[in-house]
PDB file of N, CA and C in Angstrom:
ATOM      1  N   UNK A   1      98.919 116.200  91.475  1.00  0.00           N
ATOM      2  CA  UNK A   1      99.202 114.852  91.933  1.00  0.00           C
ATOM      3  C   UNK A   1      99.518 114.839  93.427  1.00  0.00           C
ATOM      4  N   UNK A   2     100.278 115.812  93.900  1.00  0.00           N
ATOM      5  CA  UNK A   2     100.633 115.851  95.318  1.00  0.00           C
ATOM      6  C   UNK A   2      99.385 115.970  96.189  1.00  0.00           C
ATOM      7  N   UNK A   3      98.449 116.796  95.756  1.00  0.00           N
ATOM      8  CA  UNK A   3      97.220 116.972  96.529  1.00  0.00           C
ATOM      9  C   UNK A   3      96.428 115.677  96.600  1.00  0.00           C
ATOM     10  N   UNK A   4      96.458 114.875  95.537  1.00  0.00           N
ATOM     11  CA  UNK A   4      95.750 113.599  95.532  1.00  0.00           C
ATOM     12  C   UNK A   4      96.334 112.660  96.586  1.00  0.00           C
ATOM     13  N   UNK A   5      97.621 112.803  96.871  1.00  0.00           N
ATOM     14  CA  UNK A   5      98.292 111.957  97.864  1.00  0.00           C
ATOM     15  C   UNK A   5      98.224 112.565  99.260  1.00  0.00           C
ATOM     16  N   UNK A   6      97.537 113.700  99.392  1.00  0.00           N
ATOM     17  CA  UNK A   6      97.423 114.352 100.684  1.00  0.00           C
ATOM     18  C   UNK A   6      98.637 115.159 101.069  1.00  0.00           C
ATOM     19  N   UNK A   7      99.462 115.508 100.087  1.00  0.00           N
ATOM     20  CA  UNK A   7     100.678 116.270 100.338  1.00  0.00           C
ATOM     21  C   UNK A   7     100.523 117.693  99.833  1.00  0.00           C
ATOM     22  N   UNK A   8     101.283 118.633 100.400  1.00  0.00           N
ATOM     23  CA  UNK A   8     101.228 119.993  99.861  1.00  0.00           C
ATOM     24  C   UNK A   8     101.794 120.027  98.446  1.00  0.00           C
ATOM     25  N   UNK A   9     101.286 120.927  97.623  1.00  0.00           N
ATOM     26  CA  UNK A   9     101.728 121.014  96.232  1.00  0.00           C
ATOM     27  C   UNK A   9     103.144 121.532  96.119  1.00  0.00           C
ATOM     28  N   UNK A  10     103.618 122.232  97.128  1.00  0.00           N
ATOM     29  CA  UNK A  10     104.950 122.819  97.079  1.00  0.00           C
ATOM     30  C   UNK A  10     105.544 122.826  98.471  1.00  0.00           C
ATOM     31  N   UNK A  11     106.868 122.797  98.532  1.00  0.00           N
ATOM     32  CA  UNK A  11     107.522 122.869  99.836  1.00  0.00           C
ATOM     33  C   UNK A  11     107.980 124.288 100.143  1.00  0.00           C
ATOM     34  N   UNK A  12     107.577 125.249  99.324  1.00  0.00           N
ATOM     35  CA  UNK A  12     108.012 126.626  99.511  1.00  0.00           C
ATOM     36  C   UNK A  12     107.560 127.204 100.842  1.00  0.00           C
ATOM     37  N   UNK A  13     106.335 126.949 101.255  1.00  0.00           N
ATOM     38  CA  UNK A  13     105.830 127.500 102.515  1.00  0.00           C
ATOM     39  C   UNK A  13     106.627 126.951 103.697  1.00  0.00           C
ATOM     40  N   UNK A  14     106.908 125.658 103.682  1.00  0.00           N
ATOM     41  CA  UNK A  14     107.691 125.056 104.765  1.00  0.00           C
ATOM     42  C   UNK A  14     109.104 125.635 104.796  1.00  0.00           C
ATOM     43  N   UNK A  15     109.713 125.797 103.638  1.00  0.00           N
ATOM     44  CA  UNK A  15     111.065 126.347 103.584  1.00  0.00           C
ATOM     45  C   UNK A  15     111.076 127.804 104.048  1.00  0.00           C
ATOM     46  N   UNK A  16     110.054 128.546 103.707  1.00  0.00           N
ATOM     47  CA  UNK A  16     109.958 129.943 104.145  1.00  0.00           C
ATOM     48  C   UNK A  16     109.819 129.999 105.665  1.00  0.00           C
ATOM     49  N   UNK A  17     109.027 129.086 106.226  1.00  0.00           N
ATOM     50  CA  UNK A  17     108.843 129.025 107.676  1.00  0.00           C
ATOM     51  C   UNK A  17     110.167 128.698 108.372  1.00  0.00           C
ATOM     52  N   UNK A  18     110.914 127.762 107.819  1.00  0.00           N
ATOM     53  CA  UNK A  18     112.226 127.415 108.372  1.00  0.00           C
ATOM     54  C   UNK A  18     113.150 128.621 108.313  1.00  0.00           C
ATOM     55  N   UNK A  19     113.169 129.298 107.183  1.00  0.00           N
ATOM     56  CA  UNK A  19     114.025 130.470 106.999  1.00  0.00           C
ATOM     57  C   UNK A  19     113.692 131.557 108.016  1.00  0.00           C
ATOM     58  N   UNK A  20     112.413 131.831 108.211  1.00  0.00           N
ATOM     59  CA  UNK A  20     112.003 132.888 109.139  1.00  0.00           C
ATOM     60  C   UNK A  20     112.282 132.511 110.589  1.00  0.00           C
ATOM     61  N   UNK A  21     112.118 131.262 110.921  1.00  0.00           N
ATOM     62  CA  UNK A  21     112.309 130.824 112.303  1.00  0.00           C
ATOM     63  C   UNK A  21     113.782 130.730 112.685  1.00  0.00           C
ATOM     64  N   UNK A  22     114.611 130.203 111.789  1.00  0.00           N
ATOM     65  CA  UNK A  22     116.010 129.949 112.124  1.00  0.00           C
ATOM     66  C   UNK A  22     116.940 131.126 111.864  1.00  0.00           C
ATOM     67  N   UNK A  23     116.564 132.012 110.955  1.00  0.00           N
ATOM     68  CA  UNK A  23     117.442 133.123 110.560  1.00  0.00           C
ATOM     69  C   UNK A  23     118.845 132.587 110.232  1.00  0.00           C
ATOM     70  N   UNK A  24     118.940 131.772 109.182  1.00  0.00           N
ATOM     71  CA  UNK A  24     120.209 131.087 108.887  1.00  0.00           C
ATOM     72  C   UNK A  24     121.327 132.032 108.438  1.00  0.00           C
ATOM     73  N   UNK A  25     122.545 131.596 108.726  1.00  0.00           N
ATOM     74  CA  UNK A  25     123.727 132.287 108.221  1.00  0.00           C
ATOM     75  C   UNK A  25     123.848 132.012 106.730  1.00  0.00           C
ATOM     76  N   UNK A  26     124.849 132.594 106.106  1.00  0.00           N
ATOM     77  CA  UNK A  26     125.045 132.390 104.659  1.00  0.00           C
ATOM     78  C   UNK A  26     125.284 130.903 104.348  1.00  0.00           C
ATOM     79  N   UNK A  27     126.127 130.257 105.127  1.00  0.00           N
ATOM     80  CA  UNK A  27     126.408 128.824 104.907  1.00  0.00           C
ATOM     81  C   UNK A  27     125.168 127.980 105.167  1.00  0.00           C
ATOM     82  N   UNK A  28     124.428 128.329 106.229  1.00  0.00           N
ATOM     83  CA  UNK A  28     123.209 127.591 106.530  1.00  0.00           C
ATOM     84  C   UNK A  28     122.163 127.799 105.447  1.00  0.00           C
ATOM     85  N   UNK A  29     122.096 129.022 104.911  1.00  0.00           N
ATOM     86  CA  UNK A  29     121.142 129.316 103.842  1.00  0.00           C
ATOM     87  C   UNK A  29     121.460 128.477 102.601  1.00  0.00           C
ATOM     88  N   UNK A  30     122.744 128.322 102.309  1.00  0.00           N
ATOM     89  CA  UNK A  30     123.138 127.498 101.156  1.00  0.00           C
ATOM     90  C   UNK A  30     122.695 126.053 101.358  1.00  0.00           C
ATOM     91  N   UNK A  31     122.840 125.537 102.578  1.00  0.00           N
ATOM     92  CA  UNK A  31     122.410 124.160 102.825  1.00  0.00           C
ATOM     93  C   UNK A  31     120.883 124.052 102.822  1.00  0.00           C
ATOM     94  N   UNK A  32     120.181 125.118 103.234  1.00  0.00           N
ATOM     95  CA  UNK A  32     118.716 125.137 103.151  1.00  0.00           C
ATOM     96  C   UNK A  32     118.275 125.114 101.692  1.00  0.00           C
ATOM     97  N   UNK A  33     118.941 125.892 100.846  1.00  0.00           N
ATOM     98  CA  UNK A  33     118.610 125.896  99.420  1.00  0.00           C
ATOM     99  C   UNK A  33     118.905 124.548  98.784  1.00  0.00           C
ATOM    100  N   UNK A  34     120.002 123.911  99.206  1.00  0.00           N
ATOM    101  CA  UNK A  34     120.322 122.572  98.691  1.00  0.00           C
ATOM    102  C   UNK A  34     119.265 121.565  99.141  1.00  0.00           C
ATOM    103  N   UNK A  35     118.794 121.705 100.378  1.00  0.00           N
ATOM    104  CA  UNK A  35     117.739 120.830 100.885  1.00  0.00           C
ATOM    105  C   UNK A  35     116.452 121.033 100.095  1.00  0.00           C
ATOM    106  N   UNK A  36     116.113 122.279  99.826  1.00  0.00           N
ATOM    107  CA  UNK A  36     114.899 122.578  99.058  1.00  0.00           C
ATOM    108  C   UNK A  36     115.014 121.997  97.646  1.00  0.00           C
ATOM    109  N   UNK A  37     116.173 122.141  97.039  1.00  0.00           N
ATOM    110  CA  UNK A  37     116.381 121.609  95.690  1.00  0.00           C
ATOM    111  C   UNK A  37     116.267 120.083  95.692  1.00  0.00           C
ATOM    112  N   UNK A  38     116.904 119.445  96.673  1.00  0.00           N
ATOM    113  CA  UNK A  38     116.856 117.978  96.748  1.00  0.00           C
ATOM    114  C   UNK A  38     115.431 117.499  97.009  1.00  0.00           C
ATOM    115  N   UNK A  39     114.699 118.220  97.842  1.00  0.00           N
ATOM    116  CA  UNK A  39     113.308 117.873  98.110  1.00  0.00           C
ATOM    117  C   UNK A  39     112.484 117.925  96.829  1.00  0.00           C
ATOM    118  N   UNK A  40     112.669 118.974  96.064  1.00  0.00           N
ATOM    119  CA  UNK A  40     111.938 119.120  94.805  1.00  0.00           C
ATOM    120  C   UNK A  40     112.326 118.018  93.821  1.00  0.00           C
ATOM    121  N   UNK A  41     113.620 117.767  93.712  1.00  0.00           N
ATOM    122  CA  UNK A  41     114.095 116.724  92.781  1.00  0.00           C
ATOM    123  C   UNK A  41     113.529 115.349  93.150  1.00  0.00           C
ATOM    124  N   UNK A  42     113.579 115.018  94.425  1.00  0.00           N
ATOM    125  CA  UNK A  42     113.103 113.706  94.848  1.00  0.00           C
ATOM    126  C   UNK A  42     111.583 113.613  94.734  1.00  0.00           C
ATOM    127  N   UNK A  43     110.884 114.723  94.938  1.00  0.00           N
ATOM    128  CA  UNK A  43     109.438 114.730  94.725  1.00  0.00           C
ATOM    129  C   UNK A  43     109.095 114.449  93.275  1.00  0.00           C
ATOM    130  N   UNK A  44     109.815 115.095  92.365  1.00  0.00           N
ATOM    131  CA  UNK A  44     109.581 114.857  90.940  1.00  0.00           C
ATOM    132  C   UNK A  44     109.938 113.423  90.553  1.00  0.00           C
ATOM    133  N   UNK A  45     111.024 112.915  91.131  1.00  0.00           N
ATOM    134  CA  UNK A  45     111.441 111.539  90.870  1.00  0.00           C
ATOM    135  C   UNK A  45     110.345 110.558  91.301  1.00  0.00           C
ATOM    136  N   UNK A  46     109.796 110.775  92.497  1.00  0.00           N
ATOM    137  CA  UNK A  46     108.739 109.881  92.982  1.00  0.00           C
ATOM    138  C   UNK A  46     107.473 110.000  92.152  1.00  0.00           C
ATOM    139  N   UNK A  47     107.127 111.210  91.764  1.00  0.00           N
ATOM    140  CA  UNK A  47     105.936 111.398  90.914  1.00  0.00           C
ATOM    141  C   UNK A  47     106.091 110.601  89.623  1.00  0.00           C
ATOM    142  N   UNK A  48     107.260 110.682  89.029  1.00  0.00           N
ATOM    143  CA  UNK A  48     107.497 109.952  87.776  1.00  0.00           C
ATOM    144  C   UNK A  48     107.375 108.449  87.990  1.00  0.00           C
ATOM    145  N   UNK A  49     107.848 107.968  89.121  1.00  0.00           N
ATOM    146  CA  UNK A  49     107.781 106.519  89.359  1.00  0.00           C
ATOM    147  C   UNK A  49     106.348 106.058  89.611  1.00  0.00           C
ATOM    148  N   UNK A  50     105.494 106.946  90.107  1.00  0.00           N
ATOM    149  CA  UNK A  50     104.112 106.570  90.381  1.00  0.00           C
ATOM    150  C   UNK A  50     103.181 106.824  89.204  1.00  0.00           C
ATOM    151  N   UNK A  51     103.634 107.510  88.199  1.00  0.00           N
ATOM    152  CA  UNK A  51     102.772 107.797  87.049  1.00  0.00           C
ATOM    153  C   UNK A  51     102.786 106.699  85.993  1.00  0.00           C
ATOM    154  N   UNK A  52     103.585 105.675  86.209  1.00  0.00           N
ATOM    155  CA  UNK A  52     103.629 104.573  85.258  1.00  0.00           C
ATOM    156  C   UNK A  52     102.295 103.836  85.279  1.00  0.00           C
ATOM    157  N   UNK A  53     101.877 103.308  84.124  1.00  0.00           N
ATOM    158  CA  UNK A  53     100.585 102.596  84.066  1.00  0.00           C
ATOM    159  C   UNK A  53     100.610 101.315  84.909  1.00  0.00           C
ATOM    160  N   UNK A  54      99.426 100.900  85.340  1.00  0.00           N
ATOM    161  CA  UNK A  54      99.299  99.669  86.125  1.00  0.00           C
ATOM    162  C   UNK A  54      99.510  98.477  85.200  1.00  0.00           C
ATOM    163  N   UNK A  55     100.339  97.579  85.653  1.00  0.00           N
ATOM    164  CA  UNK A  55     100.662  96.390  84.858  1.00  0.00           C
ATOM    165  C   UNK A  55      99.468  95.425  84.808  1.00  0.00           C
ATOM    166  N   UNK A  56      99.439  94.604  83.783  1.00  0.00           N
ATOM    167  CA  UNK A  56      98.303  93.717  83.542  1.00  0.00           C
ATOM    168  C   UNK A  56      98.348  92.442  84.379  1.00  0.00           C
ATOM    169  N   UNK A  57      99.506  91.889  84.593  1.00  0.00           N
ATOM    170  CA  UNK A  57      99.585  90.602  85.289  1.00  0.00           C
ATOM    171  C   UNK A  57     100.006  90.790  86.743  1.00  0.00           C
ATOM    172  N   UNK A  58      99.628  89.850  87.602  1.00  0.00           N
ATOM    173  CA  UNK A  58     100.035  89.954  89.014  1.00  0.00           C
ATOM    174  C   UNK A  58     101.555  90.002  89.195  1.00  0.00           C
ATOM    175  N   UNK A  59     102.279  89.199  88.457  1.00  0.00           N
ATOM    176  CA  UNK A  59     103.740  89.196  88.580  1.00  0.00           C
ATOM    177  C   UNK A  59     104.327  90.544  88.160  1.00  0.00           C
ATOM    178  N   UNK A  60     103.804  91.113  87.109  1.00  0.00           N
ATOM    179  CA  UNK A  60     104.282  92.416  86.651  1.00  0.00           C
ATOM    180  C   UNK A  60     103.933  93.512  87.655  1.00  0.00           C
ATOM    181  N   UNK A  61     102.760  93.389  88.290  1.00  0.00           N
ATOM    182  CA  UNK A  61     102.377  94.367  89.316  1.00  0.00           C
ATOM    183  C   UNK A  61     103.292  94.275  90.535  1.00  0.00           C
ATOM    184  N   UNK A  62     103.675  93.057  90.908  1.00  0.00           N
ATOM    185  CA  UNK A  62     104.619  92.890  92.015  1.00  0.00           C
ATOM    186  C   UNK A  62     105.976  93.500  91.667  1.00  0.00           C
ATOM    187  N   UNK A  63     106.426  93.285  90.444  1.00  0.00           N
ATOM    188  CA  UNK A  63     107.683  93.895  90.003  1.00  0.00           C
ATOM    189  C   UNK A  63     107.595  95.414  90.030  1.00  0.00           C
ATOM    190  N   UNK A  64     106.468  95.944  89.590  1.00  0.00           N
ATOM    191  CA  UNK A  64     106.276  97.396  89.591  1.00  0.00           C
ATOM    192  C   UNK A  64     106.254  97.927  91.021  1.00  0.00           C
ATOM    193  N   UNK A  65     105.617  97.189  91.939  1.00  0.00           N
ATOM    194  CA  UNK A  65     105.586  97.605  93.345  1.00  0.00           C
ATOM    195  C   UNK A  65     106.991  97.601  93.933  1.00  0.00           C
ATOM    196  N   UNK A  66     107.784  96.601  93.585  1.00  0.00           N
ATOM    197  CA  UNK A  66     109.172  96.549  94.053  1.00  0.00           C
ATOM    198  C   UNK A  66     109.966  97.733  93.516  1.00  0.00           C
ATOM    199  N   UNK A  67     109.738  98.070  92.256  1.00  0.00           N
ATOM    200  CA  UNK A  67     110.416  99.231  91.662  1.00  0.00           C
ATOM    201  C   UNK A  67     110.028 100.521  92.388  1.00  0.00           C
ATOM    202  N   UNK A  68     108.747 100.641  92.743  1.00  0.00           N
ATOM    203  CA  UNK A  68     108.292 101.842  93.446  1.00  0.00           C
ATOM    204  C   UNK A  68     108.892 101.921  94.842  1.00  0.00           C
ATOM    205  N   UNK A  69     108.973 100.793  95.524  1.00  0.00           N
ATOM    206  CA  UNK A  69     109.600 100.781  96.851  1.00  0.00           C
ATOM    207  C   UNK A  69     111.074 101.150  96.764  1.00  0.00           C
ATOM    208  N   UNK A  70     111.733 100.663  95.748  1.00  0.00           N
ATOM    209  CA  UNK A  70     113.135 101.027  95.526  1.00  0.00           C
ATOM    210  C   UNK A  70     113.255 102.521  95.286  1.00  0.00           C
ATOM    211  N   UNK A  71     112.319 103.085  94.539  1.00  0.00           N
ATOM    212  CA  UNK A  71     112.324 104.529  94.284  1.00  0.00           C
ATOM    213  C   UNK A  71     112.132 105.313  95.573  1.00  0.00           C
ATOM    214  N   UNK A  72     111.243 104.840  96.445  1.00  0.00           N
ATOM    215  CA  UNK A  72     111.004 105.517  97.729  1.00  0.00           C
ATOM    216  C   UNK A  72     112.263 105.464  98.593  1.00  0.00           C
ATOM    217  N   UNK A  73     112.904 104.315  98.643  1.00  0.00           N
ATOM    218  CA  UNK A  73     114.139 104.180  99.431  1.00  0.00           C
ATOM    219  C   UNK A  73     115.224 105.098  98.875  1.00  0.00           C
ATOM    220  N   UNK A  74     115.353 105.149  97.568  1.00  0.00           N
ATOM    221  CA  UNK A  74     116.345 106.024  96.926  1.00  0.00           C
ATOM    222  C   UNK A  74     116.067 107.487  97.267  1.00  0.00           C
ATOM    223  N   UNK A  75     114.810 107.903  97.129  1.00  0.00           N
ATOM    224  CA  UNK A  75     114.451 109.299  97.389  1.00  0.00           C
ATOM    225  C   UNK A  75     114.662 109.638  98.866  1.00  0.00           C
ATOM    226  N   UNK A  76     114.248 108.757  99.752  1.00  0.00           N
ATOM    227  CA  UNK A  76     114.406 109.010 101.187  1.00  0.00           C
ATOM    228  C   UNK A  76     115.881 109.094 101.566  1.00  0.00           C
ATOM    229  N   UNK A  77     116.694 108.231 101.016  1.00  0.00           N
ATOM    230  CA  UNK A  77     118.133 108.251 101.310  1.00  0.00           C
ATOM    231  C   UNK A  77     118.780 109.536 100.826  1.00  0.00           C
ATOM    232  N   UNK A  78     118.451 109.948  99.619  1.00  0.00           N
ATOM    233  CA  UNK A  78     119.026 111.180  99.067  1.00  0.00           C
ATOM    234  C   UNK A  78     118.559 112.407  99.838  1.00  0.00           C
ATOM    235  N   UNK A  79     117.287 112.443 100.202  1.00  0.00           N
ATOM    236  CA  UNK A  79     116.781 113.565 100.983  1.00  0.00           C
ATOM    237  C   UNK A  79     117.425 113.580 102.365  1.00  0.00           C
ATOM    238  N   UNK A  80     117.594 112.413 102.961  1.00  0.00           N
ATOM    239  CA  UNK A  80     118.187 112.317 104.290  1.00  0.00           C
ATOM    240  C   UNK A  80     119.613 112.867 104.309  1.00  0.00           C
ATOM    241  N   UNK A  81     120.376 112.634 103.270  1.00  0.00           N
ATOM    242  CA  UNK A  81     121.735 113.175 103.183  1.00  0.00           C
ATOM    243  C   UNK A  81     121.690 114.698 103.199  1.00  0.00           C
ATOM    244  N   UNK A  82     120.802 115.276 102.400  1.00  0.00           N
ATOM    245  CA  UNK A  82     120.678 116.740 102.358  1.00  0.00           C
ATOM    246  C   UNK A  82     120.166 117.279 103.692  1.00  0.00           C
ATOM    247  N   UNK A  83     119.235 116.574 104.329  1.00  0.00           N
ATOM    248  CA  UNK A  83     118.707 117.002 105.622  1.00  0.00           C
ATOM    249  C   UNK A  83     119.787 116.962 106.693  1.00  0.00           C
ATOM    250  N   UNK A  84     120.579 115.900 106.710  1.00  0.00           N
ATOM    251  CA  UNK A  84     121.669 115.810 107.685  1.00  0.00           C
ATOM    252  C   UNK A  84     122.703 116.912 107.466  1.00  0.00           C
ATOM    253  N   UNK A  85     122.999 117.214 106.221  1.00  0.00           N
ATOM    254  CA  UNK A  85     123.928 118.298 105.914  1.00  0.00           C
ATOM    255  C   UNK A  85     123.361 119.625 106.421  1.00  0.00           C
ATOM    256  N   UNK A  86     122.079 119.826 106.230  1.00  0.00           N
ATOM    257  CA  UNK A  86     121.420 121.049 106.679  1.00  0.00           C
ATOM    258  C   UNK A  86     121.449 121.159 108.196  1.00  0.00           C
ATOM    259  N   UNK A  87     121.010 120.122 108.901  1.00  0.00           N
ATOM    260  CA  UNK A  87     120.906 120.204 110.358  1.00  0.00           C
ATOM    261  C   UNK A  87     122.262 120.201 111.053  1.00  0.00           C
ATOM    262  N   UNK A  88     123.270 119.626 110.433  1.00  0.00           N
ATOM    263  CA  UNK A  88     124.591 119.585 111.073  1.00  0.00           C
ATOM    264  C   UNK A  88     125.223 120.965 111.186  1.00  0.00           C
ATOM    265  N   UNK A  89     124.724 121.929 110.466  1.00  0.00           N
ATOM    266  CA  UNK A  89     125.282 123.277 110.465  1.00  0.00           C
ATOM    267  C   UNK A  89     124.592 124.215 111.469  1.00  0.00           C
ATOM    268  N   UNK A  90     123.697 123.679 112.283  1.00  0.00           N
ATOM    269  CA  UNK A  90     122.914 124.517 113.182  1.00  0.00           C
ATOM    270  C   UNK A  90     123.296 124.335 114.641  1.00  0.00           C
ATOM    271  N   UNK A  91     123.072 125.392 115.401  1.00  0.00           N
ATOM    272  CA  UNK A  91     123.296 125.345 116.841  1.00  0.00           C
ATOM    273  C   UNK A  91     122.196 124.512 117.490  1.00  0.00           C
ATOM    274  N   UNK A  92     122.411 124.169 118.750  1.00  0.00           N
ATOM    275  CA  UNK A  92     121.379 123.412 119.481  1.00  0.00           C
ATOM    276  C   UNK A  92     120.085 124.216 119.571  1.00  0.00           C
ATOM    277  N   UNK A  93     120.202 125.527 119.751  1.00  0.00           N
ATOM    278  CA  UNK A  93     119.016 126.382 119.822  1.00  0.00           C
ATOM    279  C   UNK A  93     118.246 126.362 118.503  1.00  0.00           C
ATOM    280  N   UNK A  94     118.966 126.427 117.380  1.00  0.00           N
ATOM    281  CA  UNK A  94     118.317 126.374 116.075  1.00  0.00           C
ATOM    282  C   UNK A  94     117.662 125.009 115.842  1.00  0.00           C
ATOM    283  N   UNK A  95     118.331 123.959 116.268  1.00  0.00           N
ATOM    284  CA  UNK A  95     117.769 122.615 116.121  1.00  0.00           C
ATOM    285  C   UNK A  95     116.476 122.469 116.921  1.00  0.00           C
ATOM    286  N   UNK A  96     116.447 123.065 118.125  1.00  0.00           N
ATOM    287  CA  UNK A  96     115.241 123.044 118.940  1.00  0.00           C
ATOM    288  C   UNK A  96     114.108 123.772 118.225  1.00  0.00           C
ATOM    289  N   UNK A  97     114.410 124.938 117.653  1.00  0.00           N
ATOM    290  CA  UNK A  97     113.399 125.687 116.901  1.00  0.00           C
ATOM    291  C   UNK A  97     112.916 124.883 115.701  1.00  0.00           C
ATOM    292  N   UNK A  98     113.856 124.252 114.997  1.00  0.00           N
ATOM    293  CA  UNK A  98     113.504 123.453 113.822  1.00  0.00           C
ATOM    294  C   UNK A  98     112.590 122.298 114.213  1.00  0.00           C
ATOM    295  N   UNK A  99     112.897 121.644 115.308  1.00  0.00           N
ATOM    296  CA  UNK A  99     112.086 120.499 115.764  1.00  0.00           C
ATOM    297  C   UNK A  99     110.699 120.926 116.219  1.00  0.00           C
ATOM    298  N   UNK A 100     110.535 122.188 116.609  1.00  0.00           N
ATOM    299  CA  UNK A 100     109.235 122.649 117.082  1.00  0.00           C
ATOM    300  C   UNK A 100     108.319 123.126 115.943  1.00  0.00           C
ATOM    301  N   UNK A 101     108.855 123.261 114.747  1.00  0.00           N
ATOM    302  CA  UNK A 101     108.041 123.705 113.608  1.00  0.00           C
ATOM    303  C   UNK A 101     107.054 122.628 113.205  1.00  0.00           C
ATOM    304  N   UNK A 102     105.899 123.052 112.744  1.00  0.00           N
ATOM    305  CA  UNK A 102     104.877 122.105 112.260  1.00  0.00           C
ATOM    306  C   UNK A 102     104.602 122.368 110.829  1.00  0.00           C
TER     307      UNK A 102
END
């Protein structure tokens, strides 16, 4: 499903790249693992919200679209909390390295 949306199937490669580039401390590694877990959880949450069948009526489709947007906002907010927790534990040099990753 992720590939159909143009997304990578897993975030493992990105997390490995972050780990190798930043060389995190024990506390930073814990926040990286929490970020990876939250990313996976929110990805699964979004997949579930998008796998629902298409509604038959226009009004029902609008309601379903609103539900999906709410799901995206929820997932983005939850991921953002984990991301902020992760980045707040890094030095300016580490943040620069993190921002330069692709």
